[in-house]
Amino acid sequence: MTPTLVASAVLRDATEPPEARGLKRDHVRLLVSHLDGRIEHRRFDELPQVLRSGDLLVVNASGTLKASLDGERSFGDHVELHLSTALPGGLWSVEVRQADPGGSKPLRVAMAGEVIELAAGGRASLLAPYPFSGDLFIGSRLWTAALDLPAPLTEYLEAYGAPIRYGYVARPWPSEYYQTIFASEPGSAEMPSAGRPFSHDVVDALRSSGVKITPIVLHTGVSSLEAHEPPFEERFVVARATADLVNETHAAGGRVIAVGTTVVRALESVTDDNGITHPGRGWTDLVITPSRGVRAVDGLLTGFHEPEASHLSLVRTIPQRAGHRTSIVIDQAYAEAREQGYLAHEFGDSHLVL
């Protein structure tokens, strides 16, 4: 099969949380792609039956911020301000969006020096396009901004913010729908959604079957980039305990399975050419493609992505670790998912590549 098949295999969007469709969060569908070409159709709470004792799941413990704020430009236009990533010096990368029949779209005509007025006297001053290329006056999706808020950031967002929502989700949902059960450190602009279907019952069953679970933290920025830009730099932490578990799992012949592309990005950023994973923290600008390959990860649990997205390029990299042709394994999976009516995006179904 050719990449054209993937492009034709666009899935329907999940327009609301599974709970609104009468499902528990762990009752979304799970498509399992085996590297020998087998495909299984399961429910997410059957994950413990698919994995085996000695496997290690690595999850993202970043919590989702209410990162969308209503704002107003100086001449009265209403906009949405999406916080993306906390930068050094108390600055933020932000996205300014304008109303659109499909929900909202980036406002690329914002200007350096412009001030966005926010609720309760808050202000966001746009300083320069992000990342800065030396030209203050080019159109940009993201901006470096200074925030002037009447309360600490987390308190202010709790009072006046909302989860970031794109046009395929027709109505707002409470913030608890945008949190995973692993969230322990707030910081993500958008939910690390691969972990959303996990419930405490599924976690208990996994541990009872001998599957270990360990966290990293990677604070996601506005990763749903409509023009399918590669992800920008993001902050991450891989603790020593997690690095040790990854290395011990490989040494014992187990599989390391990343829950989400964010986990792959974090682990691969601290794994050397010999496949040894080290503890580390900082910023990663790593973009993982089939030509780069992976060293730390043997499997990936993720959602379904659009054909042009950098996330899908990363998914296509996973089978290479076992010497398989990604164009066959992943293209078959996406064709099957479309035929069987799987749903995409943060409230959609899950895909396990083993």
Protein backbone atom coordinates (compact mmCIF):
# COMPACT_ATOMS: atom_id res chain seq x y z
CA MET A 1 0.00 0.00 0.00
CA THR A 2 1.15 3.53 -0.67
CA PRO A 3 0.95 6.73 1.39
CA THR A 4 -2.00 7.71 -0.83
CA LEU A 5 -4.07 5.16 1.05
CA VAL A 6 -3.39 6.89 4.36
CA ALA A 7 -4.42 10.21 2.85
CA SER A 8 -7.70 8.64 1.76
CA ALA A 9 -8.25 7.01 5.14
CA VAL A 10 -9.35 10.14 7.00
CA LEU A 11 -11.46 9.12 9.98
CA ARG A 12 -14.57 10.81 11.29
CA ASP A 13 -13.99 13.23 14.14
CA ALA A 14 -15.16 12.50 17.67
CA THR A 15 -17.31 15.58 18.25
CA GLU A 16 -18.00 14.98 21.96
CA PRO A 17 -16.59 12.95 24.86
CA PRO A 18 -17.47 9.24 24.94
CA GLU A 19 -19.40 9.87 28.17
CA ALA A 20 -21.80 12.03 26.14
CA ARG A 21 -22.25 9.08 23.77
CA GLY A 22 -23.28 6.83 26.66
CA LEU A 23 -19.85 5.20 27.10
CA LYS A 24 -17.43 5.00 29.98
CA ARG A 25 -14.10 6.58 29.15
CA ASP A 26 -12.50 3.11 29.05
CA HIS A 27 -15.16 1.77 26.65
CA VAL A 28 -13.86 3.52 23.52
CA ARG A 29 -12.69 1.22 20.77
CA LEU A 30 -9.13 -0.10 20.61
CA LEU A 31 -7.55 -1.12 17.31
CA VAL A 32 -4.45 -3.26 17.83
CA SER A 33 -1.90 -3.35 15.00
CA HIS A 34 0.51 -6.26 15.27
CA LEU A 35 3.73 -6.08 13.31
CA ASP A 36 2.96 -9.38 11.59
CA GLY A 37 0.00 -7.67 9.90
CA ARG A 38 -2.72 -8.93 12.24
CA ILE A 39 -5.33 -6.41 13.33
CA GLU A 40 -7.56 -6.83 16.37
CA HIS A 41 -10.72 -4.87 17.16
CA ARG A 42 -11.19 -4.56 20.91
CA ARG A 43 -12.51 -2.26 23.59
CA PHE A 44 -10.05 -0.20 25.60
CA ASP A 45 -10.77 -1.96 28.89
CA GLU A 46 -9.46 -5.14 27.23
CA LEU A 47 -5.95 -3.64 27.12
CA PRO A 48 -4.73 -5.92 29.97
CA GLN A 49 -5.56 -8.91 27.77
CA VAL A 50 -3.41 -7.59 24.92
CA LEU A 51 -0.29 -6.70 26.90
CA ARG A 52 1.83 -9.22 28.77
CA SER A 53 3.62 -9.51 32.07
CA GLY A 54 6.92 -7.66 31.94
CA ASP A 55 5.69 -4.88 29.64
CA LEU A 56 6.11 -1.27 30.74
CA LEU A 57 3.63 1.51 29.97
CA VAL A 58 5.07 5.03 30.13
CA VAL A 59 2.41 7.72 30.61
CA ASN A 60 2.44 11.52 30.55
CA ALA A 61 1.54 12.98 33.96
CA SER A 62 1.10 16.55 32.69
CA GLY A 63 -2.24 18.10 33.59
CA THR A 64 -4.30 20.19 31.18
CA LEU A 65 -4.65 23.91 31.81
CA LYS A 66 -7.74 25.98 31.09
CA ALA A 67 -5.55 27.60 28.48
CA SER A 68 -8.16 29.41 26.35
CA LEU A 69 -9.00 33.00 27.35
CA ASP A 70 -11.50 35.43 25.85
CA GLY A 71 -9.82 38.64 24.75
CA GLU A 72 -10.37 41.87 22.89
CA ARG A 73 -8.05 43.69 20.51
CA SER A 74 -7.57 47.45 20.90
CA PHE A 75 -10.17 48.25 18.22
CA GLY A 76 -12.81 45.97 19.69
CA ASP A 77 -12.48 42.68 17.81
CA HIS A 78 -13.18 39.66 19.98
CA VAL A 79 -10.45 37.01 19.92
CA GLU A 80 -9.45 33.85 21.75
CA LEU A 81 -6.01 33.78 23.33
CA HIS A 82 -4.59 30.26 23.64
CA LEU A 83 -1.65 29.89 26.00
CA SER A 84 0.80 27.41 24.51
CA THR A 85 4.09 27.07 26.40
CA ALA A 86 5.60 28.76 29.45
CA LEU A 87 8.90 30.35 28.38
CA PRO A 88 11.88 31.50 30.46
CA GLY A 89 11.55 34.89 32.13
CA GLY A 90 7.85 34.52 32.86
CA LEU A 91 6.89 34.85 29.19
CA TRP A 92 4.52 32.61 27.23
CA SER A 93 4.14 31.54 23.65
CA VAL A 94 0.52 32.22 22.76
CA GLU A 95 -1.81 31.91 19.82
CA VAL A 96 -4.37 34.57 18.89
CA ARG A 97 -7.48 33.17 17.19
CA GLN A 98 -10.49 34.78 15.56
CA ALA A 99 -14.05 33.56 15.19
CA ASP A 100 -14.75 31.41 12.15
CA PRO A 101 -17.80 29.40 10.98
CA GLY A 102 -15.78 26.24 11.72
CA GLY A 103 -15.00 27.34 15.28
CA SER A 104 -11.94 29.59 15.19
CA LYS A 105 -8.79 30.05 13.13
CA PRO A 106 -5.37 31.60 13.73
CA LEU A 107 -5.21 35.38 13.46
CA ARG A 108 -2.01 35.86 11.50
CA VAL A 109 -2.33 39.65 11.23
CA ALA A 110 -1.69 40.36 14.91
CA MET A 111 1.17 42.82 15.44
CA ALA A 112 4.20 43.13 17.67
CA GLY A 113 3.38 45.62 20.43
CA GLU A 114 -0.34 44.82 20.31
CA VAL A 115 -2.10 44.39 23.66
CA ILE A 116 -4.95 41.90 24.10
CA GLU A 117 -7.32 42.90 26.90
CA LEU A 118 -8.44 39.97 29.07
CA ALA A 119 -11.04 39.46 31.79
CA ALA A 120 -10.77 41.24 35.14
CA GLY A 121 -8.17 43.70 33.88
CA GLY A 122 -5.73 41.10 32.59
CA ARG A 123 -3.54 41.92 29.59
CA ALA A 124 -1.35 40.05 27.14
CA SER A 125 1.29 42.09 25.30
CA LEU A 126 2.52 40.53 22.05
CA LEU A 127 6.28 41.02 21.86
CA ALA A 128 7.52 39.13 18.80
CA PRO A 129 6.63 36.22 16.51
CA TYR A 130 7.49 32.85 18.04
CA PRO A 131 9.96 31.45 17.31
CA PHE A 132 11.67 34.73 16.44
CA SER A 133 13.38 34.78 13.03
CA GLY A 134 14.58 38.39 13.19
CA ASP A 135 11.51 40.04 11.66
CA LEU A 136 8.91 41.63 13.95
CA PHE A 137 6.45 42.21 11.14
CA ILE A 138 5.93 38.81 9.54
CA GLY A 139 2.66 36.97 9.95
CA SER A 140 2.85 34.34 12.67
CA ARG A 141 0.65 31.75 14.27
CA LEU A 142 2.39 31.93 17.65
CA TRP A 143 3.70 34.94 19.56
CA THR A 144 5.94 35.52 22.53
CA ALA A 145 3.79 37.40 25.02
CA ALA A 146 4.07 39.01 28.44
CA LEU A 147 1.05 38.38 30.68
CA ASP A 148 -0.11 40.94 33.23
CA LEU A 149 -2.75 39.22 35.35
CA PRO A 150 -4.56 40.29 38.54
CA ALA A 151 -3.94 36.88 40.17
CA PRO A 152 -1.45 34.01 39.99
CA LEU A 153 -1.69 32.24 36.64
CA THR A 154 -3.28 28.99 37.84
CA GLU A 155 -5.89 30.88 39.86
CA TYR A 156 -6.62 33.21 36.98
CA LEU A 157 -7.03 30.38 34.46
CA GLU A 158 -9.27 28.49 36.88
CA ALA A 159 -11.51 31.55 37.20
CA TYR A 160 -11.55 32.84 33.61
CA GLY A 161 -10.10 30.18 31.31
CA ALA A 162 -11.55 27.20 29.45
CA PRO A 163 -10.00 24.12 27.85
CA ILE A 164 -8.80 24.71 24.31
CA ARG A 165 -11.45 23.50 21.89
CA TYR A 166 -11.36 23.24 18.10
CA GLY A 167 -14.19 23.38 15.58
CA TYR A 168 -14.86 19.63 15.43
CA VAL A 169 -16.05 19.73 19.09
CA ALA A 170 -19.36 21.51 18.77
CA ARG A 171 -19.87 22.71 22.35
CA PRO A 172 -17.83 23.43 25.49
CA TRP A 173 -17.27 20.65 28.03
CA PRO A 174 -16.15 20.97 31.68
CA SER A 175 -12.43 20.83 32.31
CA GLU A 176 -12.58 17.37 33.94
CA TYR A 177 -13.31 15.93 30.48
CA TYR A 178 -9.87 17.18 29.43
CA GLN A 179 -7.87 15.51 32.22
CA THR A 180 -6.36 12.05 32.37
CA ILE A 181 -6.24 10.05 35.59
CA PHE A 182 -2.44 10.40 35.53
CA ALA A 183 -2.43 14.22 35.66
CA SER A 184 -0.33 15.42 38.59
CA GLU A 185 1.49 18.53 37.34
CA PRO A 186 -0.52 21.19 35.46
CA GLY A 187 1.18 22.62 32.42
CA SER A 188 -0.24 21.35 29.11
CA ALA A 189 -2.13 23.60 26.74
CA GLU A 190 -3.85 20.55 25.27
CA MET A 191 -4.62 17.24 26.91
CA PRO A 192 -2.11 14.39 26.50
CA SER A 193 -5.10 12.56 25.09
CA ALA A 194 -3.63 9.08 24.58
CA GLY A 195 -4.02 8.57 28.33
CA ARG A 196 -7.64 9.69 28.47
CA PRO A 197 -9.28 6.24 28.11
CA PHE A 198 -7.48 4.85 31.16
CA SER A 199 -9.63 4.27 34.24
CA HIS A 200 -8.53 3.15 37.68
CA ASP A 201 -10.09 -0.25 36.95
CA VAL A 202 -7.93 -0.65 33.83
CA VAL A 203 -4.80 0.42 35.74
CA ASP A 204 -5.55 -2.09 38.53
CA ALA A 205 -6.06 -4.87 35.99
CA LEU A 206 -2.82 -4.02 34.20
CA ARG A 207 -0.81 -4.10 37.41
CA SER A 208 -2.45 -7.39 38.43
CA SER A 209 -1.34 -8.89 35.13
CA GLY A 210 2.29 -7.85 35.66
CA VAL A 211 2.34 -4.71 33.51
CA LYS A 212 4.20 -1.80 35.10
CA ILE A 213 3.27 1.86 34.68
CA THR A 214 5.65 4.80 35.11
CA PRO A 215 5.35 8.53 34.32
CA ILE A 216 7.21 11.21 32.45
CA VAL A 217 6.09 14.82 32.24
CA LEU A 218 5.97 16.71 28.96
CA HIS A 219 3.90 19.88 28.86
CA THR A 220 2.26 20.01 25.45
CA GLY A 221 1.82 23.24 23.56
CA VAL A 222 -0.84 23.89 20.94
CA SER A 223 -0.11 20.65 19.14
CA SER A 224 -3.20 20.68 16.92
CA LEU A 225 -1.45 22.79 14.31
CA GLU A 226 -3.83 23.22 11.38
CA ALA A 227 -1.02 23.69 8.88
CA HIS A 228 0.61 20.52 10.25
CA GLU A 229 3.75 22.30 11.36
CA PRO A 230 6.25 20.19 13.32
CA PRO A 231 5.89 20.56 17.09
CA PHE A 232 7.76 23.41 18.76
CA GLU A 233 10.08 23.04 21.73
CA GLU A 234 8.36 21.63 24.81
CA ARG A 235 9.42 21.20 28.44
CA PHE A 236 9.89 17.67 29.77
CA VAL A 237 11.13 15.66 32.74
CA VAL A 238 12.23 12.03 32.71
CA ALA A 239 12.95 10.97 36.30
CA ARG A 240 15.72 8.52 37.18
CA ALA A 241 13.15 5.94 38.35
CA THR A 242 11.48 6.02 34.93
CA ALA A 243 14.78 5.82 33.03
CA ASP A 244 15.85 2.86 35.18
CA LEU A 245 12.54 1.04 34.55
CA VAL A 246 12.88 1.53 30.78
CA ASN A 247 16.40 0.07 30.81
CA GLU A 248 15.45 -2.78 33.15
CA THR A 249 12.45 -3.68 30.99
CA HIS A 250 14.57 -3.92 27.86
CA ALA A 251 17.24 -5.91 29.68
CA ALA A 252 14.60 -8.41 30.82
CA GLY A 253 13.14 -8.80 27.32
CA GLY A 254 10.00 -6.76 28.00
CA ARG A 255 8.43 -4.12 25.79
CA VAL A 256 8.36 -0.39 26.51
CA ILE A 257 5.09 1.06 25.27
CA ALA A 258 4.66 4.81 25.12
CA VAL A 259 1.20 6.17 25.91
CA GLY A 260 1.13 9.02 23.44
CA THR A 261 3.50 10.69 21.03
CA THR A 262 4.53 13.10 23.80
CA VAL A 263 6.02 10.19 25.73
CA VAL A 264 7.96 9.02 22.68
CA ARG A 265 9.35 12.52 22.24
CA ALA A 266 10.46 12.75 25.87
CA LEU A 267 12.03 9.29 26.05
CA GLU A 268 13.83 9.56 22.73
CA SER A 269 15.26 12.91 23.83
CA VAL A 270 17.19 11.20 26.65
CA THR A 271 18.06 7.87 24.98
CA ASP A 272 21.56 7.50 23.54
CA ASP A 273 22.73 5.77 20.38
CA ASN A 274 23.18 2.51 22.32
CA GLY A 275 19.54 2.49 23.39
CA ILE A 276 20.24 3.44 27.02
CA THR A 277 17.72 5.85 28.51
CA HIS A 278 18.99 8.48 30.95
CA PRO A 279 17.20 10.77 33.39
CA GLY A 280 16.88 14.31 32.13
CA ARG A 281 14.90 17.51 32.04
CA GLY A 282 14.78 20.57 29.86
CA TRP A 283 13.44 21.43 26.42
CA THR A 284 13.12 19.12 23.44
CA ASP A 285 12.84 20.14 19.81
CA LEU A 286 13.12 16.54 18.62
CA VAL A 287 11.00 15.65 15.60
CA ILE A 288 10.78 11.88 15.13
CA THR A 289 10.42 10.54 11.59
CA PRO A 290 10.93 7.13 9.98
CA SER A 291 14.36 8.25 8.75
CA ARG A 292 15.40 9.09 12.34
CA GLY A 293 13.90 5.99 13.99
CA VAL A 294 13.33 5.22 17.68
CA ARG A 295 15.59 3.67 20.31
CA ALA A 296 13.61 3.59 23.55
CA VAL A 297 10.13 2.53 22.49
CA ASP A 298 8.83 -0.84 21.29
CA GLY A 299 5.16 0.07 21.00
CA LEU A 300 2.82 3.04 21.00
CA LEU A 301 -0.67 3.58 22.35
CA THR A 302 -2.15 6.65 20.71
CA GLY A 303 -5.20 8.08 19.01
CA PHE A 304 -5.87 8.47 15.30
CA HIS A 305 -4.23 11.38 13.51
CA GLU A 306 -4.76 13.33 10.32
CA PRO A 307 -2.69 12.17 7.32
CA GLU A 308 -0.45 15.26 7.20
CA ALA A 309 0.16 15.53 10.94
CA SER A 310 3.67 15.15 12.37
CA HIS A 311 2.10 12.80 14.94
CA LEU A 312 1.34 10.30 12.19
CA SER A 313 4.90 10.48 10.92
CA LEU A 314 5.99 9.47 14.41
CA VAL A 315 3.46 6.61 14.52
CA ARG A 316 4.85 5.32 11.23
CA THR A 317 8.29 5.14 12.87
CA ILE A 318 7.37 2.57 15.56
CA PRO A 319 7.28 -0.61 13.40
CA GLN A 320 10.80 0.11 12.12
CA ARG A 321 12.24 -0.91 15.49
CA ALA A 322 11.24 -4.46 14.62
CA GLY A 323 12.38 -4.17 11.01
CA HIS A 324 8.91 -3.86 9.48
CA ARG A 325 7.77 -1.62 6.67
CA THR A 326 5.72 1.18 8.15
CA SER A 327 3.84 1.80 4.91
CA ILE A 328 2.22 -1.62 5.21
CA VAL A 329 1.53 -1.83 8.96
CA ILE A 330 0.18 1.66 9.55
CA ASP A 331 -1.59 2.12 6.21
CA GLN A 332 -3.46 -1.15 6.71
CA ALA A 333 -4.47 -0.07 10.20
CA TYR A 334 -5.82 3.30 9.05
CA ALA A 335 -7.72 1.77 6.14
CA GLU A 336 -9.28 -0.75 8.53
CA ALA A 337 -10.08 1.95 11.08
CA ARG A 338 -11.90 4.03 8.51
CA GLU A 339 -13.87 1.06 7.22
CA GLN A 340 -14.91 0.11 10.77
CA GLY A 341 -15.92 3.64 11.78
CA TYR A 342 -13.23 4.50 14.34
CA LEU A 343 -13.23 8.09 15.61
CA ALA A 344 -10.29 10.52 15.67
CA HIS A 345 -8.99 13.26 17.98
CA GLU A 346 -8.94 13.66 21.76
CA PHE A 347 -12.39 12.18 22.43
CA GLY A 348 -11.98 9.41 19.88
CA ASP A 349 -10.79 5.81 19.80
CA SER A 350 -7.37 4.32 20.52
CA HIS A 351 -4.71 2.64 18.41
CA LEU A 352 -2.08 0.31 19.85
CA VAL A 353 0.92 -0.46 17.64
CA LEU A 354 2.84 -3.47 18.96
